[in-house]
Amino acid sequence: MNWILKKFNELTLDELHDILKLRIDIFVVEQNCPYPELDGKDKKAYHLLGSDNANNLIAYTRIFKPGDYYSYAAFGRVVVHQDFRNKKIGHLLIEQSITKIHELFGDVPIKIGAQTYLKKFYEHHGFKQIGEGYLEDGIPHIYMLKD
């Protein structure tokens, strides 16, 4: 796996295309959830891209400094290409996201809005549920915090 972290204005057009394609393929098409994928937050985010040795984007998340999304640092739009699931790449992506947040912003708490079915996955990385569940675009979610 090759990991690259870039600000929005550092992304190439090809990288931006691949990010949007992966996110739409998974969040809109696979999950059958029509919602506004372009939410205006990409311009504030750092973008973590995970590619295979052939430079194909297979994992992605976007990272926010404290105050840009929540009062905490955050990451979201966590996605692994469907052909590469069950290969522990999701765990690598979360580890990389946490590491990059600490490199960028110091030892700060991290808040995420996670799909409820992934609760145990995120607990494995030290996140704990805070508050009650909620629906986002018809999908059950929970807030989780890693201190």
C-alpha atoms as a PDB file:
ATOM      1  CA  MET A   1       0.000   0.000   0.000  1.00  0.00           C
ATOM      2  CA  ASN A   2       1.116   3.489  -0.837  1.00  0.00           C
ATOM      3  CA  TRP A   3      -0.314   6.323   1.271  1.00  0.00           C
ATOM      4  CA  ILE A   4      -0.462   9.968   0.207  1.00  0.00           C
ATOM      5  CA  LEU A   5      -1.912  12.894   2.173  1.00  0.00           C
ATOM      6  CA  LYS A   6      -2.820  16.049   0.275  1.00  0.00           C
ATOM      7  CA  LYS A   7      -4.790  19.212   0.739  1.00  0.00           C
ATOM      8  CA  PHE A   8      -7.617  19.767  -1.734  1.00  0.00           C
ATOM      9  CA  ASN A   9      -5.664  22.229  -3.888  1.00  0.00           C
ATOM     10  CA  GLU A  10      -2.762  19.756  -4.148  1.00  0.00           C
ATOM     11  CA  LEU A  11      -4.874  16.986  -5.689  1.00  0.00           C
ATOM     12  CA  THR A  12      -4.401  16.317  -9.377  1.00  0.00           C
ATOM     13  CA  LEU A  13      -7.480  16.152 -11.577  1.00  0.00           C
ATOM     14  CA  ASP A  14      -6.971  12.397 -11.931  1.00  0.00           C
ATOM     15  CA  GLU A  15      -6.775  11.961  -8.143  1.00  0.00           C
ATOM     16  CA  LEU A  16      -9.918  14.035  -7.625  1.00  0.00           C
ATOM     17  CA  HIS A  17     -11.737  12.015 -10.281  1.00  0.00           C
ATOM     18  CA  ASP A  18     -10.674   8.718  -8.676  1.00  0.00           C
ATOM     19  CA  ILE A  19     -11.721   9.908  -5.192  1.00  0.00           C
ATOM     20  CA  LEU A  20     -15.159  11.006  -6.350  1.00  0.00           C
ATOM     21  CA  LYS A  21     -15.663   7.846  -8.406  1.00  0.00           C
ATOM     22  CA  LEU A  22     -14.772   5.598  -5.456  1.00  0.00           C
ATOM     23  CA  ARG A  23     -16.990   7.518  -3.043  1.00  0.00           C
ATOM     24  CA  ILE A  24     -19.960   7.584  -5.430  1.00  0.00           C
ATOM     25  CA  ASP A  25     -19.517   3.907  -6.379  1.00  0.00           C
ATOM     26  CA  ILE A  26     -19.703   2.899  -2.718  1.00  0.00           C
ATOM     27  CA  PHE A  27     -21.839   5.463  -0.896  1.00  0.00           C
ATOM     28  CA  VAL A  28     -24.371   6.245  -3.617  1.00  0.00           C
ATOM     29  CA  VAL A  29     -24.497   3.172  -5.878  1.00  0.00           C
ATOM     30  CA  GLU A  30     -23.520   0.203  -3.648  1.00  0.00           C
ATOM     31  CA  GLN A  31     -25.360   1.494  -0.583  1.00  0.00           C
ATOM     32  CA  ASN A  32     -28.265   2.687  -2.751  1.00  0.00           C
ATOM     33  CA  CYS A  33     -28.260   6.034  -0.987  1.00  0.00           C
ATOM     34  CA  PRO A  34     -28.851   9.050  -3.201  1.00  0.00           C
ATOM     35  CA  TYR A  35     -27.457  12.023  -1.304  1.00  0.00           C
ATOM     36  CA  PRO A  36     -25.368  15.101  -2.078  1.00  0.00           C
ATOM     37  CA  GLU A  37     -21.872  13.576  -2.207  1.00  0.00           C
ATOM     38  CA  LEU A  38     -20.299  16.952  -2.939  1.00  0.00           C
ATOM     39  CA  ASP A  39     -21.028  18.670   0.358  1.00  0.00           C
ATOM     40  CA  GLY A  40     -18.584  21.594   0.197  1.00  0.00           C
ATOM     41  CA  LYS A  41     -16.313  20.102   2.865  1.00  0.00           C
ATOM     42  CA  ASP A  42     -13.678  18.656   0.541  1.00  0.00           C
ATOM     43  CA  LYS A  43     -12.021  22.047   0.130  1.00  0.00           C
ATOM     44  CA  LYS A  44     -11.299  22.218   3.888  1.00  0.00           C
ATOM     45  CA  ALA A  45     -10.138  18.626   4.217  1.00  0.00           C
ATOM     46  CA  TYR A  46      -6.883  16.786   3.930  1.00  0.00           C
ATOM     47  CA  HIS A  47      -7.314  13.776   1.655  1.00  0.00           C
ATOM     48  CA  LEU A  48      -5.693  10.448   2.513  1.00  0.00           C
ATOM     49  CA  LEU A  49      -5.347   8.203  -0.525  1.00  0.00           C
ATOM     50  CA  GLY A  50      -4.306   4.565  -0.341  1.00  0.00           C
ATOM     51  CA  SER A  51      -3.198   3.013  -3.625  1.00  0.00           C
ATOM     52  CA  ASP A  52      -2.028  -0.404  -4.682  1.00  0.00           C
ATOM     53  CA  ASN A  53       1.279  -0.988  -6.458  1.00  0.00           C
ATOM     54  CA  ALA A  54      -0.369  -0.226  -9.825  1.00  0.00           C
ATOM     55  CA  ASN A  55      -1.383   3.196  -8.437  1.00  0.00           C
ATOM     56  CA  ASN A  56      -5.104   2.345  -8.341  1.00  0.00           C
ATOM     57  CA  LEU A  57      -7.017   4.107  -5.558  1.00  0.00           C
ATOM     58  CA  ILE A  58      -8.386   1.435  -3.240  1.00  0.00           C
ATOM     59  CA  ALA A  59      -8.797   3.243   0.104  1.00  0.00           C
ATOM     60  CA  TYR A  60      -9.645   6.801   1.042  1.00  0.00           C
ATOM     61  CA  THR A  61     -10.694   9.098   3.842  1.00  0.00           C
ATOM     62  CA  ARG A  62     -10.792  12.823   4.406  1.00  0.00           C
ATOM     63  CA  ILE A  63      -9.379  14.436   7.533  1.00  0.00           C
ATOM     64  CA  PHE A  64     -10.421  17.656   9.279  1.00  0.00           C
ATOM     65  CA  LYS A  65      -8.618  19.807  11.796  1.00  0.00           C
ATOM     66  CA  PRO A  66     -10.418  20.638  15.044  1.00  0.00           C
ATOM     67  CA  GLY A  67     -13.160  23.154  14.341  1.00  0.00           C
ATOM     68  CA  ASP A  68     -13.564  22.425  10.618  1.00  0.00           C
ATOM     69  CA  TYR A  69     -16.164  19.678  11.045  1.00  0.00           C
ATOM     70  CA  TYR A  70     -16.657  19.174  14.788  1.00  0.00           C
ATOM     71  CA  SER A  71     -14.923  20.912  17.668  1.00  0.00           C
ATOM     72  CA  TYR A  72     -12.609  17.881  17.537  1.00  0.00           C
ATOM     73  CA  ALA A  73     -10.326  16.594  14.808  1.00  0.00           C
ATOM     74  CA  ALA A  74     -12.268  14.243  12.563  1.00  0.00           C
ATOM     75  CA  PHE A  75     -12.169  11.943   9.596  1.00  0.00           C
ATOM     76  CA  GLY A  76     -14.930  10.715   7.339  1.00  0.00           C
ATOM     77  CA  ARG A  77     -15.911   9.329   3.948  1.00  0.00           C
ATOM     78  CA  VAL A  78     -14.008   6.201   4.972  1.00  0.00           C
ATOM     79  CA  VAL A  79     -14.071   3.892   1.988  1.00  0.00           C
ATOM     80  CA  VAL A  80     -12.326   0.765   0.705  1.00  0.00           C
ATOM     81  CA  HIS A  81     -12.904  -0.454  -2.842  1.00  0.00           C
ATOM     82  CA  GLN A  82     -15.194  -3.489  -2.775  1.00  0.00           C
ATOM     83  CA  ASP A  83     -12.601  -5.719  -4.475  1.00  0.00           C
ATOM     84  CA  PHE A  84     -10.162  -5.129  -1.593  1.00  0.00           C
ATOM     85  CA  ARG A  85     -12.385  -5.677   1.431  1.00  0.00           C
ATOM     86  CA  ASN A  86     -11.647  -8.405   3.981  1.00  0.00           C
ATOM     87  CA  LYS A  87      -7.925  -7.837   3.464  1.00  0.00           C
ATOM     88  CA  LYS A  88      -7.437  -5.625   6.567  1.00  0.00           C
ATOM     89  CA  ILE A  89      -7.073  -2.500   4.383  1.00  0.00           C
ATOM     90  CA  GLY A  90      -9.853  -0.798   6.346  1.00  0.00           C
ATOM     91  CA  HIS A  91      -7.819  -1.235   9.521  1.00  0.00           C
ATOM     92  CA  LEU A  92      -4.722   0.154   7.797  1.00  0.00           C
ATOM     93  CA  LEU A  93      -6.767   3.128   6.592  1.00  0.00           C
ATOM     94  CA  ILE A  94      -8.002   3.938  10.102  1.00  0.00           C
ATOM     95  CA  GLU A  95      -4.492   3.550  11.556  1.00  0.00           C
ATOM     96  CA  GLN A  96      -3.113   5.876   8.877  1.00  0.00           C
ATOM     97  CA  SER A  97      -5.934   8.387   9.477  1.00  0.00           C
ATOM     98  CA  ILE A  98      -5.249   8.479  13.223  1.00  0.00           C
ATOM     99  CA  THR A  99      -1.499   8.779  12.651  1.00  0.00           C
ATOM    100  CA  LYS A 100      -1.921  11.625  10.155  1.00  0.00           C
ATOM    101  CA  ILE A 101      -4.261  13.502  12.499  1.00  0.00           C
ATOM    102  CA  HIS A 102      -1.688  13.297  15.302  1.00  0.00           C
ATOM    103  CA  GLU A 103       1.131  14.342  12.965  1.00  0.00           C
ATOM    104  CA  LEU A 104      -0.874  17.330  11.726  1.00  0.00           C
ATOM    105  CA  PHE A 105      -2.621  18.510  14.900  1.00  0.00           C
ATOM    106  CA  GLY A 106      -0.883  16.873  17.855  1.00  0.00           C
ATOM    107  CA  ASP A 107      -2.378  14.494  20.392  1.00  0.00           C
ATOM    108  CA  VAL A 108      -5.984  15.636  20.008  1.00  0.00           C
ATOM    109  CA  PRO A 109      -9.265  13.774  20.469  1.00  0.00           C
ATOM    110  CA  ILE A 110     -10.908  12.499  17.277  1.00  0.00           C
ATOM    111  CA  LYS A 111     -14.665  12.422  16.659  1.00  0.00           C
ATOM    112  CA  ILE A 112     -16.354  10.477  13.889  1.00  0.00           C
ATOM    113  CA  GLY A 113     -19.879   9.813  12.697  1.00  0.00           C
ATOM    114  CA  ALA A 114     -19.840   6.072  12.000  1.00  0.00           C
ATOM    115  CA  GLN A 115     -22.347   3.772  10.404  1.00  0.00           C
ATOM    116  CA  THR A 116     -23.750   1.821  13.342  1.00  0.00           C
ATOM    117  CA  TYR A 117     -22.856  -1.597  11.943  1.00  0.00           C
ATOM    118  CA  LEU A 118     -19.169  -0.585  12.094  1.00  0.00           C
ATOM    119  CA  LYS A 119     -19.194   0.114  15.852  1.00  0.00           C
ATOM    120  CA  LYS A 120     -16.979  -2.874  16.778  1.00  0.00           C
ATOM    121  CA  PHE A 121     -14.605  -2.082  13.920  1.00  0.00           C
ATOM    122  CA  TYR A 122     -14.005   1.419  15.305  1.00  0.00           C
ATOM    123  CA  GLU A 123     -13.916   0.194  18.913  1.00  0.00           C
ATOM    124  CA  HIS A 124     -10.956  -1.957  17.834  1.00  0.00           C
ATOM    125  CA  HIS A 125      -9.156   1.356  17.156  1.00  0.00           C
ATOM    126  CA  GLY A 126     -10.035   2.891  20.527  1.00  0.00           C
ATOM    127  CA  PHE A 127     -13.232   4.752  19.647  1.00  0.00           C
ATOM    128  CA  LYS A 128     -16.179   4.795  22.055  1.00  0.00           C
ATOM    129  CA  GLN A 129     -19.786   5.617  21.270  1.00  0.00           C
ATOM    130  CA  ILE A 130     -21.015   8.945  22.578  1.00  0.00           C
ATOM    131  CA  GLY A 131     -24.672   9.867  22.643  1.00  0.00           C
ATOM    132  CA  GLU A 132     -27.580   8.194  20.926  1.00  0.00           C
ATOM    133  CA  GLY A 133     -27.769   6.899  17.388  1.00  0.00           C
ATOM    134  CA  TYR A 134     -29.124   9.003  14.537  1.00  0.00           C
ATOM    135  CA  LEU A 135     -30.142   8.600  10.918  1.00  0.00           C
ATOM    136  CA  GLU A 136     -28.037  10.168   8.195  1.00  0.00           C
ATOM    137  CA  ASP A 137     -29.448   9.816   4.694  1.00  0.00           C
ATOM    138  CA  GLY A 138     -31.583   6.921   5.955  1.00  0.00           C
ATOM    139  CA  ILE A 139     -28.595   4.966   7.355  1.00  0.00           C
ATOM    140  CA  PRO A 140     -28.196   4.411  11.144  1.00  0.00           C
ATOM    141  CA  HIS A 141     -25.112   6.199  12.510  1.00  0.00           C
ATOM    142  CA  ILE A 142     -23.495   6.849  15.874  1.00  0.00           C
ATOM    143  CA  TYR A 143     -20.994   9.418  17.044  1.00  0.00           C
ATOM    144  CA  MET A 144     -17.764   7.982  18.376  1.00  0.00           C
ATOM    145  CA  LEU A 145     -14.824   9.609  20.144  1.00  0.00           C
ATOM    146  CA  LYS A 146     -11.196   8.585  20.596  1.00  0.00           C
ATOM    147  CA  ASP A 147      -9.527  10.545  23.442  1.00  0.00           C
END
